[in-house]
């Protein structure tokens, strides 16, 4: 019986390893191409291991100038600063607004709470393409098109998915803690700030990480609302590494893509334990 169990675990391990390598293949190919000379990027059959590691491709990708009129600040650095600006404001707005709304749904009894919460969840079934034109018209009437405002201000008004995650987590916190704080004279805002939020760090980290990943990788938003090339984000700026008339420098493009993906990988590994804890604990109580 023990032998069969050991063989079963080995088979499962081999299957998971094979699946992991399959999902990692595009990432490994991107890193491999970023270190190749240009003549090895399109060889057939594909060459996984470069004959010579070109680490200078990364520095060239950062300093790459596709607009010769801009020689002061490399576009990659400017786009990185633009992306950080949008990400910081979006993450802050997402965590604050969704935590406030979720607290109201989870911890404060009021008439019609469950009905409004159901309506909030129902908005998740509306796809973004359905709202794209009307939302663009609203932002254009406000004079926000061509600025960063459409990319981060909506994050300060909550989203159904994040509200649901935080509400489920808030419901796992014992009500006795809030009652004890009320007896000590703490207000509802004080309970939210000093009792609920400190105990909800894993769930808040999950929401922040989801928002960070979405905003960092967002392409359609900057494509719709940004008109000035100096205001582009990294996801939109990567298209300038592709030549419209052939001759794309694929090693530069893959090097730039690797640099763009690297912060996501680093942030995920730094917050992996908290992320898994938040996902595991969320939704344990109905």
C-alpha atoms as a PDB file:
ATOM      1  CA  UNK A   1       0.000   0.000   0.000  1.00  0.00           C
ATOM      2  CA  UNK A   2       2.853   2.365   0.853  1.00  0.00           C
ATOM      3  CA  UNK A   3       4.571   1.570  -2.453  1.00  0.00           C
ATOM      4  CA  UNK A   4       1.413   2.383  -4.410  1.00  0.00           C
ATOM      5  CA  UNK A   5       1.002   5.622  -2.476  1.00  0.00           C
ATOM      6  CA  UNK A   6       4.609   6.617  -3.210  1.00  0.00           C
ATOM      7  CA  UNK A   7       4.208   5.859  -6.917  1.00  0.00           C
ATOM      8  CA  UNK A   8       0.949   7.807  -6.974  1.00  0.00           C
ATOM      9  CA  UNK A   9       2.619  10.861  -5.442  1.00  0.00           C
ATOM     10  CA  UNK A  10       5.473  10.552  -7.939  1.00  0.00           C
ATOM     11  CA  UNK A  11       3.066  10.455 -10.884  1.00  0.00           C
ATOM     12  CA  UNK A  12       1.195  13.493  -9.567  1.00  0.00           C
ATOM     13  CA  UNK A  13       4.487  15.330  -9.061  1.00  0.00           C
ATOM     14  CA  UNK A  14       5.592  14.546 -12.620  1.00  0.00           C
ATOM     15  CA  UNK A  15       2.268  15.703 -14.045  1.00  0.00           C
ATOM     16  CA  UNK A  16       2.373  18.961 -12.070  1.00  0.00           C
ATOM     17  CA  UNK A  17       5.993  19.531 -13.116  1.00  0.00           C
ATOM     18  CA  UNK A  18       5.097  18.992 -16.780  1.00  0.00           C
ATOM     19  CA  UNK A  19       2.143  21.394 -16.503  1.00  0.00           C
ATOM     20  CA  UNK A  20       4.313  23.963 -14.723  1.00  0.00           C
ATOM     21  CA  UNK A  21       6.968  23.830 -17.438  1.00  0.00           C
ATOM     22  CA  UNK A  22       4.256  24.139 -20.087  1.00  0.00           C
ATOM     23  CA  UNK A  23       2.917  27.324 -18.515  1.00  0.00           C
ATOM     24  CA  UNK A  24       6.456  28.645 -17.996  1.00  0.00           C
ATOM     25  CA  UNK A  25       7.477  28.030 -21.616  1.00  0.00           C
ATOM     26  CA  UNK A  26       6.368  31.472 -22.937  1.00  0.00           C
ATOM     27  CA  UNK A  27       8.158  33.232 -20.065  1.00  0.00           C
ATOM     28  CA  UNK A  28      11.327  31.191 -20.602  1.00  0.00           C
ATOM     29  CA  UNK A  29      11.197  31.878 -24.344  1.00  0.00           C
ATOM     30  CA  UNK A  30      10.831  35.620 -23.685  1.00  0.00           C
ATOM     31  CA  UNK A  31      13.867  35.624 -21.387  1.00  0.00           C
ATOM     32  CA  UNK A  32      15.860  33.504 -23.829  1.00  0.00           C
ATOM     33  CA  UNK A  33      15.054  35.802 -26.758  1.00  0.00           C
ATOM     34  CA  UNK A  34      15.946  38.876 -24.716  1.00  0.00           C
ATOM     35  CA  UNK A  35      19.514  37.556 -24.374  1.00  0.00           C
ATOM     36  CA  UNK A  36      20.027  36.610 -28.034  1.00  0.00           C
ATOM     37  CA  UNK A  37      21.743  38.445 -30.859  1.00  0.00           C
ATOM     38  CA  UNK A  38      19.205  39.727 -33.364  1.00  0.00           C
ATOM     39  CA  UNK A  39      20.154  37.113 -35.972  1.00  0.00           C
ATOM     40  CA  UNK A  40      19.200  34.237 -33.631  1.00  0.00           C
ATOM     41  CA  UNK A  41      15.727  35.479 -32.722  1.00  0.00           C
ATOM     42  CA  UNK A  42      13.962  34.111 -35.825  1.00  0.00           C
ATOM     43  CA  UNK A  43      15.960  30.984 -36.583  1.00  0.00           C
ATOM     44  CA  UNK A  44      14.264  27.725 -37.560  1.00  0.00           C
ATOM     45  CA  UNK A  45      14.188  25.435 -35.715  1.00  0.00           C
ATOM     46  CA  UNK A  46      13.956  27.761 -32.687  1.00  0.00           C
ATOM     47  CA  UNK A  47      17.108  28.061 -30.630  1.00  0.00           C
ATOM     48  CA  UNK A  48      16.358  28.074 -26.902  1.00  0.00           C
ATOM     49  CA  UNK A  49      19.872  28.678 -25.624  1.00  0.00           C
ATOM     50  CA  UNK A  50      21.664  31.704 -27.128  1.00  0.00           C
ATOM     51  CA  UNK A  51      25.131  31.111 -28.513  1.00  0.00           C
ATOM     52  CA  UNK A  52      26.195  34.306 -26.738  1.00  0.00           C
ATOM     53  CA  UNK A  53      24.451  35.996 -23.838  1.00  0.00           C
ATOM     54  CA  UNK A  54      23.799  39.634 -24.711  1.00  0.00           C
ATOM     55  CA  UNK A  55      23.086  41.230 -21.330  1.00  0.00           C
ATOM     56  CA  UNK A  56      23.524  44.638 -22.907  1.00  0.00           C
ATOM     57  CA  UNK A  57      20.157  44.139 -24.621  1.00  0.00           C
ATOM     58  CA  UNK A  58      18.482  45.228 -21.390  1.00  0.00           C
ATOM     59  CA  UNK A  59      20.371  48.497 -21.111  1.00  0.00           C
ATOM     60  CA  UNK A  60      19.798  49.173 -24.808  1.00  0.00           C
ATOM     61  CA  UNK A  61      16.084  48.468 -24.399  1.00  0.00           C
ATOM     62  CA  UNK A  62      15.846  50.974 -21.545  1.00  0.00           C
ATOM     63  CA  UNK A  63      17.790  53.642 -23.440  1.00  0.00           C
ATOM     64  CA  UNK A  64      16.115  52.858 -26.774  1.00  0.00           C
ATOM     65  CA  UNK A  65      14.973  56.048 -28.553  1.00  0.00           C
ATOM     66  CA  UNK A  66      12.215  55.512 -31.094  1.00  0.00           C
ATOM     67  CA  UNK A  67      11.564  59.262 -31.257  1.00  0.00           C
ATOM     68  CA  UNK A  68      14.812  61.037 -32.061  1.00  0.00           C
ATOM     69  CA  UNK A  69      13.316  64.383 -31.059  1.00  0.00           C
ATOM     70  CA  UNK A  70      13.259  63.281 -27.431  1.00  0.00           C
ATOM     71  CA  UNK A  71      16.824  62.934 -26.230  1.00  0.00           C
ATOM     72  CA  UNK A  72      16.552  64.139 -22.624  1.00  0.00           C
ATOM     73  CA  UNK A  73      14.593  61.338 -20.946  1.00  0.00           C
ATOM     74  CA  UNK A  74      14.396  57.876 -22.532  1.00  0.00           C
ATOM     75  CA  UNK A  75      10.757  57.005 -23.302  1.00  0.00           C
ATOM     76  CA  UNK A  76      11.000  53.770 -21.298  1.00  0.00           C
ATOM     77  CA  UNK A  77      11.854  55.658 -18.108  1.00  0.00           C
ATOM     78  CA  UNK A  78       9.088  58.191 -18.719  1.00  0.00           C
ATOM     79  CA  UNK A  79       6.543  55.431 -19.325  1.00  0.00           C
ATOM     80  CA  UNK A  80       7.689  53.632 -16.170  1.00  0.00           C
ATOM     81  CA  UNK A  81       7.077  56.769 -14.101  1.00  0.00           C
ATOM     82  CA  UNK A  82       3.661  57.218 -15.709  1.00  0.00           C
ATOM     83  CA  UNK A  83       2.760  53.621 -14.899  1.00  0.00           C
ATOM     84  CA  UNK A  84       3.892  53.943 -11.280  1.00  0.00           C
ATOM     85  CA  UNK A  85       1.857  57.118 -10.896  1.00  0.00           C
ATOM     86  CA  UNK A  86      -1.325  55.448 -12.127  1.00  0.00           C
ATOM     87  CA  UNK A  87      -0.684  52.218 -10.186  1.00  0.00           C
ATOM     88  CA  UNK A  88      -0.092  53.940  -6.828  1.00  0.00           C
ATOM     89  CA  UNK A  89      -3.264  56.045  -7.079  1.00  0.00           C
ATOM     90  CA  UNK A  90      -5.356  53.123  -8.343  1.00  0.00           C
ATOM     91  CA  UNK A  91      -4.173  50.728  -5.616  1.00  0.00           C
ATOM     92  CA  UNK A  92      -4.756  53.307  -2.887  1.00  0.00           C
ATOM     93  CA  UNK A  93      -8.234  54.071  -4.173  1.00  0.00           C
ATOM     94  CA  UNK A  94      -9.132  50.414  -4.579  1.00  0.00           C
ATOM     95  CA  UNK A  95      -8.101  49.425  -1.058  1.00  0.00           C
ATOM     96  CA  UNK A  96      -9.745  52.414   0.655  1.00  0.00           C
ATOM     97  CA  UNK A  97     -13.032  52.537  -1.252  1.00  0.00           C
ATOM     98  CA  UNK A  98     -13.677  48.796  -1.362  1.00  0.00           C
ATOM     99  CA  UNK A  99     -12.841  48.375   2.327  1.00  0.00           C
ATOM    100  CA  UNK A 100     -15.338  51.101   3.302  1.00  0.00           C
ATOM    101  CA  UNK A 101     -18.151  49.675   1.179  1.00  0.00           C
ATOM    102  CA  UNK A 102     -17.454  46.100   2.235  1.00  0.00           C
ATOM    103  CA  UNK A 103     -17.496  47.122   5.891  1.00  0.00           C
ATOM    104  CA  UNK A 104     -20.924  48.654   5.435  1.00  0.00           C
ATOM    105  CA  UNK A 105     -22.234  45.463   3.835  1.00  0.00           C
ATOM    106  CA  UNK A 106     -20.625  43.125   6.360  1.00  0.00           C
ATOM    107  CA  UNK A 107     -20.735  44.815   9.777  1.00  0.00           C
ATOM    108  CA  UNK A 108     -23.441  47.504   9.779  1.00  0.00           C
ATOM    109  CA  UNK A 109     -27.091  46.337   9.745  1.00  0.00           C
ATOM    110  CA  UNK A 110     -29.417  48.533   7.690  1.00  0.00           C
ATOM    111  CA  UNK A 111     -32.575  48.039   5.663  1.00  0.00           C
ATOM    112  CA  UNK A 112     -32.080  46.810   2.101  1.00  0.00           C
ATOM    113  CA  UNK A 113     -28.462  45.818   2.662  1.00  0.00           C
ATOM    114  CA  UNK A 114     -28.728  42.364   1.104  1.00  0.00           C
ATOM    115  CA  UNK A 115     -30.726  43.638  -1.874  1.00  0.00           C
ATOM    116  CA  UNK A 116     -28.186  46.341  -2.651  1.00  0.00           C
ATOM    117  CA  UNK A 117     -25.351  43.856  -2.220  1.00  0.00           C
ATOM    118  CA  UNK A 118     -27.021  41.531  -4.738  1.00  0.00           C
ATOM    119  CA  UNK A 119     -27.366  44.428  -7.170  1.00  0.00           C
ATOM    120  CA  UNK A 120     -23.680  45.225  -6.655  1.00  0.00           C
ATOM    121  CA  UNK A 121     -22.721  41.655  -7.528  1.00  0.00           C
ATOM    122  CA  UNK A 122     -25.012  41.780 -10.567  1.00  0.00           C
ATOM    123  CA  UNK A 123     -22.827  44.511 -12.081  1.00  0.00           C
ATOM    124  CA  UNK A 124     -20.091  41.878 -12.484  1.00  0.00           C
ATOM    125  CA  UNK A 125     -22.145  40.322 -15.281  1.00  0.00           C
ATOM    126  CA  UNK A 126     -21.917  43.464 -17.433  1.00  0.00           C
ATOM    127  CA  UNK A 127     -18.851  43.174 -19.727  1.00  0.00           C
ATOM    128  CA  UNK A 128     -16.624  46.205 -20.195  1.00  0.00           C
ATOM    129  CA  UNK A 129     -17.175  46.457 -24.004  1.00  0.00           C
ATOM    130  CA  UNK A 130     -20.856  47.166 -23.330  1.00  0.00           C
ATOM    131  CA  UNK A 131     -19.944  50.187 -21.185  1.00  0.00           C
ATOM    132  CA  UNK A 132     -16.917  51.348 -23.163  1.00  0.00           C
ATOM    133  CA  UNK A 133     -18.643  53.940 -25.367  1.00  0.00           C
ATOM    134  CA  UNK A 134     -20.856  55.418 -22.637  1.00  0.00           C
ATOM    135  CA  UNK A 135     -17.988  55.635 -20.129  1.00  0.00           C
ATOM    136  CA  UNK A 136     -15.792  57.290 -22.749  1.00  0.00           C
ATOM    137  CA  UNK A 137     -18.555  59.828 -23.442  1.00  0.00           C
ATOM    138  CA  UNK A 138     -18.793  60.644 -19.720  1.00  0.00           C
ATOM    139  CA  UNK A 139     -15.038  61.158 -19.389  1.00  0.00           C
ATOM    140  CA  UNK A 140     -14.957  63.253 -22.555  1.00  0.00           C
ATOM    141  CA  UNK A 141     -17.736  65.498 -21.240  1.00  0.00           C
ATOM    142  CA  UNK A 142     -15.701  65.970 -18.051  1.00  0.00           C
ATOM    143  CA  UNK A 143     -12.632  66.898 -20.100  1.00  0.00           C
ATOM    144  CA  UNK A 144     -10.611  63.970 -18.750  1.00  0.00           C
ATOM    145  CA  UNK A 145      -9.677  62.358 -22.079  1.00  0.00           C
ATOM    146  CA  UNK A 146      -5.967  62.861 -22.637  1.00  0.00           C
ATOM    147  CA  UNK A 147      -5.174  62.731 -18.915  1.00  0.00           C
ATOM    148  CA  UNK A 148      -4.510  60.032 -16.325  1.00  0.00           C
ATOM    149  CA  UNK A 149      -7.789  60.646 -14.476  1.00  0.00           C
ATOM    150  CA  UNK A 150      -9.869  57.966 -16.284  1.00  0.00           C
ATOM    151  CA  UNK A 151      -7.226  55.390 -15.365  1.00  0.00           C
ATOM    152  CA  UNK A 152      -7.252  55.888 -11.583  1.00  0.00           C
ATOM    153  CA  UNK A 153     -10.274  57.888 -10.424  1.00  0.00           C
ATOM    154  CA  UNK A 154     -12.762  55.021 -11.082  1.00  0.00           C
ATOM    155  CA  UNK A 155     -10.747  52.907  -8.629  1.00  0.00           C
ATOM    156  CA  UNK A 156     -11.924  55.231  -5.824  1.00  0.00           C
ATOM    157  CA  UNK A 157     -15.559  54.184  -6.352  1.00  0.00           C
ATOM    158  CA  UNK A 158     -15.226  50.474  -5.595  1.00  0.00           C
ATOM    159  CA  UNK A 159     -15.693  47.331  -7.667  1.00  0.00           C
ATOM    160  CA  UNK A 160     -18.079  44.443  -7.102  1.00  0.00           C
ATOM    161  CA  UNK A 161     -15.461  41.683  -7.042  1.00  0.00           C
ATOM    162  CA  UNK A 162     -13.225  43.384  -4.471  1.00  0.00           C
ATOM    163  CA  UNK A 163     -16.209  44.374  -2.344  1.00  0.00           C
ATOM    164  CA  UNK A 164     -17.318  40.740  -2.313  1.00  0.00           C
ATOM    165  CA  UNK A 165     -13.859  39.505  -1.263  1.00  0.00           C
ATOM    166  CA  UNK A 166     -13.512  41.989   1.575  1.00  0.00           C
ATOM    167  CA  UNK A 167     -17.094  41.535   2.760  1.00  0.00           C
ATOM    168  CA  UNK A 168     -16.600  37.789   3.072  1.00  0.00           C
ATOM    169  CA  UNK A 169     -13.397  38.325   5.025  1.00  0.00           C
ATOM    170  CA  UNK A 170     -14.908  40.961   7.328  1.00  0.00           C
ATOM    171  CA  UNK A 171     -17.696  38.521   8.217  1.00  0.00           C
ATOM    172  CA  UNK A 172     -15.120  36.077   9.601  1.00  0.00           C
ATOM    173  CA  UNK A 173     -14.010  38.613  12.254  1.00  0.00           C
ATOM    174  CA  UNK A 174     -15.855  37.922  15.537  1.00  0.00           C
ATOM    175  CA  UNK A 175     -18.522  40.492  16.379  1.00  0.00           C
ATOM    176  CA  UNK A 176     -17.435  40.317  20.010  1.00  0.00           C
ATOM    177  CA  UNK A 177     -14.360  42.391  19.149  1.00  0.00           C
ATOM    178  CA  UNK A 178     -16.522  45.183  17.752  1.00  0.00           C
ATOM    179  CA  UNK A 179     -18.904  45.002  20.729  1.00  0.00           C
ATOM    180  CA  UNK A 180     -15.986  45.286  23.152  1.00  0.00           C
ATOM    181  CA  UNK A 181     -14.706  48.334  21.265  1.00  0.00           C
ATOM    182  CA  UNK A 182     -18.165  49.953  21.409  1.00  0.00           C
ATOM    183  CA  UNK A 183     -18.333  49.389  25.166  1.00  0.00           C
ATOM    184  CA  UNK A 184     -15.003  51.201  25.459  1.00  0.00           C
ATOM    185  CA  UNK A 185     -16.533  54.156  23.635  1.00  0.00           C
ATOM    186  CA  UNK A 186     -15.059  53.545  20.172  1.00  0.00           C
ATOM    187  CA  UNK A 187     -17.028  54.928  17.228  1.00  0.00           C
ATOM    188  CA  UNK A 188     -17.902  52.942  14.117  1.00  0.00           C
ATOM    189  CA  UNK A 189     -15.072  54.637  12.239  1.00  0.00           C
ATOM    190  CA  UNK A 190     -12.707  53.796  15.065  1.00  0.00           C
ATOM    191  CA  UNK A 191     -13.797  50.156  15.031  1.00  0.00           C
ATOM    192  CA  UNK A 192     -13.231  50.035  11.288  1.00  0.00           C
ATOM    193  CA  UNK A 193      -9.805  51.635  11.579  1.00  0.00           C
ATOM    194  CA  UNK A 194      -8.411  50.095  14.769  1.00  0.00           C
ATOM    195  CA  UNK A 195     -10.125  46.684  14.906  1.00  0.00           C
ATOM    196  CA  UNK A 196     -11.243  45.489  11.480  1.00  0.00           C
ATOM    197  CA  UNK A 197      -8.492  46.824   9.205  1.00  0.00           C
ATOM    198  CA  UNK A 198      -5.527  45.500  11.268  1.00  0.00           C
ATOM    199  CA  UNK A 199      -7.117  42.030  11.260  1.00  0.00           C
ATOM    200  CA  UNK A 200      -7.796  42.177   7.513  1.00  0.00           C
ATOM    201  CA  UNK A 201      -4.274  42.669   6.182  1.00  0.00           C
ATOM    202  CA  UNK A 202      -4.265  39.386   4.173  1.00  0.00           C
ATOM    203  CA  UNK A 203      -7.520  40.264   2.387  1.00  0.00           C
ATOM    204  CA  UNK A 204      -6.414  43.852   1.780  1.00  0.00           C
ATOM    205  CA  UNK A 205      -3.134  42.548   0.359  1.00  0.00           C
ATOM    206  CA  UNK A 206      -5.062  40.318  -2.060  1.00  0.00           C
ATOM    207  CA  UNK A 207      -7.162  43.251  -3.277  1.00  0.00           C
ATOM    208  CA  UNK A 208      -4.090  45.468  -3.609  1.00  0.00           C
ATOM    209  CA  UNK A 209      -2.192  42.794  -5.528  1.00  0.00           C
ATOM    210  CA  UNK A 210      -5.083  42.175  -7.924  1.00  0.00           C
ATOM    211  CA  UNK A 211      -5.381  45.909  -8.591  1.00  0.00           C
ATOM    212  CA  UNK A 212      -1.614  46.279  -9.030  1.00  0.00           C
ATOM    213  CA  UNK A 213      -1.470  43.462 -11.574  1.00  0.00           C
ATOM    214  CA  UNK A 214      -4.505  44.715 -13.494  1.00  0.00           C
ATOM    215  CA  UNK A 215      -3.385  48.355 -13.620  1.00  0.00           C
ATOM    216  CA  UNK A 216       0.228  47.506 -14.456  1.00  0.00           C
ATOM    217  CA  UNK A 217      -0.846  45.283 -17.382  1.00  0.00           C
ATOM    218  CA  UNK A 218      -3.772  47.436 -18.527  1.00  0.00           C
ATOM    219  CA  UNK A 219      -3.547  48.143 -22.237  1.00  0.00           C
ATOM    220  CA  UNK A 220      -7.068  49.020 -23.369  1.00  0.00           C
ATOM    221  CA  UNK A 221      -7.498  51.857 -20.844  1.00  0.00           C
ATOM    222  CA  UNK A 222      -4.384  53.827 -21.833  1.00  0.00           C
ATOM    223  CA  UNK A 223      -5.102  53.075 -25.494  1.00  0.00           C
ATOM    224  CA  UNK A 224      -8.551  54.672 -25.239  1.00  0.00           C
ATOM    225  CA  UNK A 225      -7.895  57.665 -22.997  1.00  0.00           C
ATOM    226  CA  UNK A 226      -4.259  58.725 -23.539  1.00  0.00           C
ATOM    227  CA  UNK A 227      -3.495  60.809 -26.609  1.00  0.00           C
ATOM    228  CA  UNK A 228      -0.045  62.253 -25.872  1.00  0.00           C
ATOM    229  CA  UNK A 229       2.895  59.859 -26.339  1.00  0.00           C
ATOM    230  CA  UNK A 230       4.666  61.402 -23.354  1.00  0.00           C
ATOM    231  CA  UNK A 231       1.833  60.158 -21.112  1.00  0.00           C
ATOM    232  CA  UNK A 232       1.809  56.544 -22.314  1.00  0.00           C
ATOM    233  CA  UNK A 233       2.215  53.686 -19.851  1.00  0.00           C
ATOM    234  CA  UNK A 234       4.600  50.749 -20.243  1.00  0.00           C
ATOM    235  CA  UNK A 235       2.016  48.353 -21.647  1.00  0.00           C
ATOM    236  CA  UNK A 236       1.172  50.855 -24.374  1.00  0.00           C
ATOM    237  CA  UNK A 237       4.762  51.971 -24.937  1.00  0.00           C
ATOM    238  CA  UNK A 238       5.948  48.457 -25.788  1.00  0.00           C
ATOM    239  CA  UNK A 239       4.291  48.748 -29.185  1.00  0.00           C
ATOM    240  CA  UNK A 240       6.964  51.256 -30.263  1.00  0.00           C
ATOM    241  CA  UNK A 241       9.552  48.474 -30.222  1.00  0.00           C
ATOM    242  CA  UNK A 242       7.661  46.899 -33.122  1.00  0.00           C
ATOM    243  CA  UNK A 243       8.429  48.290 -36.542  1.00  0.00           C
ATOM    244  CA  UNK A 244       5.420  48.925 -38.744  1.00  0.00           C
ATOM    245  CA  UNK A 245       7.507  48.287 -41.865  1.00  0.00           C
ATOM    246  CA  UNK A 246       9.309  45.086 -40.844  1.00  0.00           C
ATOM    247  CA  UNK A 247      12.671  44.659 -39.185  1.00  0.00           C
ATOM    248  CA  UNK A 248      11.425  44.528 -35.590  1.00  0.00           C
ATOM    249  CA  UNK A 249      14.265  44.128 -33.091  1.00  0.00           C
ATOM    250  CA  UNK A 250      12.773  41.184 -31.245  1.00  0.00           C
ATOM    251  CA  UNK A 251      15.586  40.920 -28.725  1.00  0.00           C
ATOM    252  CA  UNK A 252      14.967  44.528 -27.655  1.00  0.00           C
ATOM    253  CA  UNK A 253      11.218  43.946 -27.481  1.00  0.00           C
ATOM    254  CA  UNK A 254      11.643  40.817 -25.359  1.00  0.00           C
ATOM    255  CA  UNK A 255      14.168  42.563 -23.096  1.00  0.00           C
ATOM    256  CA  UNK A 256      11.747  45.435 -22.531  1.00  0.00           C
ATOM    257  CA  UNK A 257       8.888  42.971 -21.944  1.00  0.00           C
ATOM    258  CA  UNK A 258      10.986  41.086 -19.384  1.00  0.00           C
ATOM    259  CA  UNK A 259      11.693  44.313 -17.502  1.00  0.00           C
ATOM    260  CA  UNK A 260       7.963  45.142 -17.519  1.00  0.00           C
ATOM    261  CA  UNK A 261       7.010  41.678 -16.214  1.00  0.00           C
ATOM    262  CA  UNK A 262       9.757  41.565 -13.570  1.00  0.00           C
ATOM    263  CA  UNK A 263       8.026  43.850 -10.997  1.00  0.00           C
ATOM    264  CA  UNK A 264       4.917  41.652 -11.097  1.00  0.00           C
ATOM    265  CA  UNK A 265       6.981  38.547 -10.376  1.00  0.00           C
ATOM    266  CA  UNK A 266       8.910  40.236  -7.575  1.00  0.00           C
ATOM    267  CA  UNK A 267       5.772  41.628  -5.915  1.00  0.00           C
ATOM    268  CA  UNK A 268       4.002  38.274  -6.120  1.00  0.00           C
ATOM    269  CA  UNK A 269       6.873  36.365  -4.528  1.00  0.00           C
ATOM    270  CA  UNK A 270       7.272  38.971  -1.785  1.00  0.00           C
ATOM    271  CA  UNK A 271       3.559  38.807  -0.944  1.00  0.00           C
ATOM    272  CA  UNK A 272       2.989  35.133  -1.761  1.00  0.00           C
ATOM    273  CA  UNK A 273       2.372  33.987   1.817  1.00  0.00           C
ATOM    274  CA  UNK A 274       0.011  36.864   2.574  1.00  0.00           C
ATOM    275  CA  UNK A 275      -1.740  36.389  -0.780  1.00  0.00           C
ATOM    276  CA  UNK A 276      -2.360  32.678  -0.208  1.00  0.00           C
ATOM    277  CA  UNK A 277      -3.516  33.349   3.347  1.00  0.00           C
ATOM    278  CA  UNK A 278      -5.999  35.962   2.166  1.00  0.00           C
ATOM    279  CA  UNK A 279      -7.388  33.713  -0.571  1.00  0.00           C
ATOM    280  CA  UNK A 280      -7.684  30.789   1.852  1.00  0.00           C
ATOM    281  CA  UNK A 281      -9.453  32.701   4.623  1.00  0.00           C
ATOM    282  CA  UNK A 282     -11.795  34.704   2.379  1.00  0.00           C
ATOM    283  CA  UNK A 283     -15.254  33.220   2.181  1.00  0.00           C
ATOM    284  CA  UNK A 284     -15.023  30.782   5.093  1.00  0.00           C
ATOM    285  CA  UNK A 285     -18.160  32.310   6.577  1.00  0.00           C
ATOM    286  CA  UNK A 286     -21.272  32.769   4.481  1.00  0.00           C
END
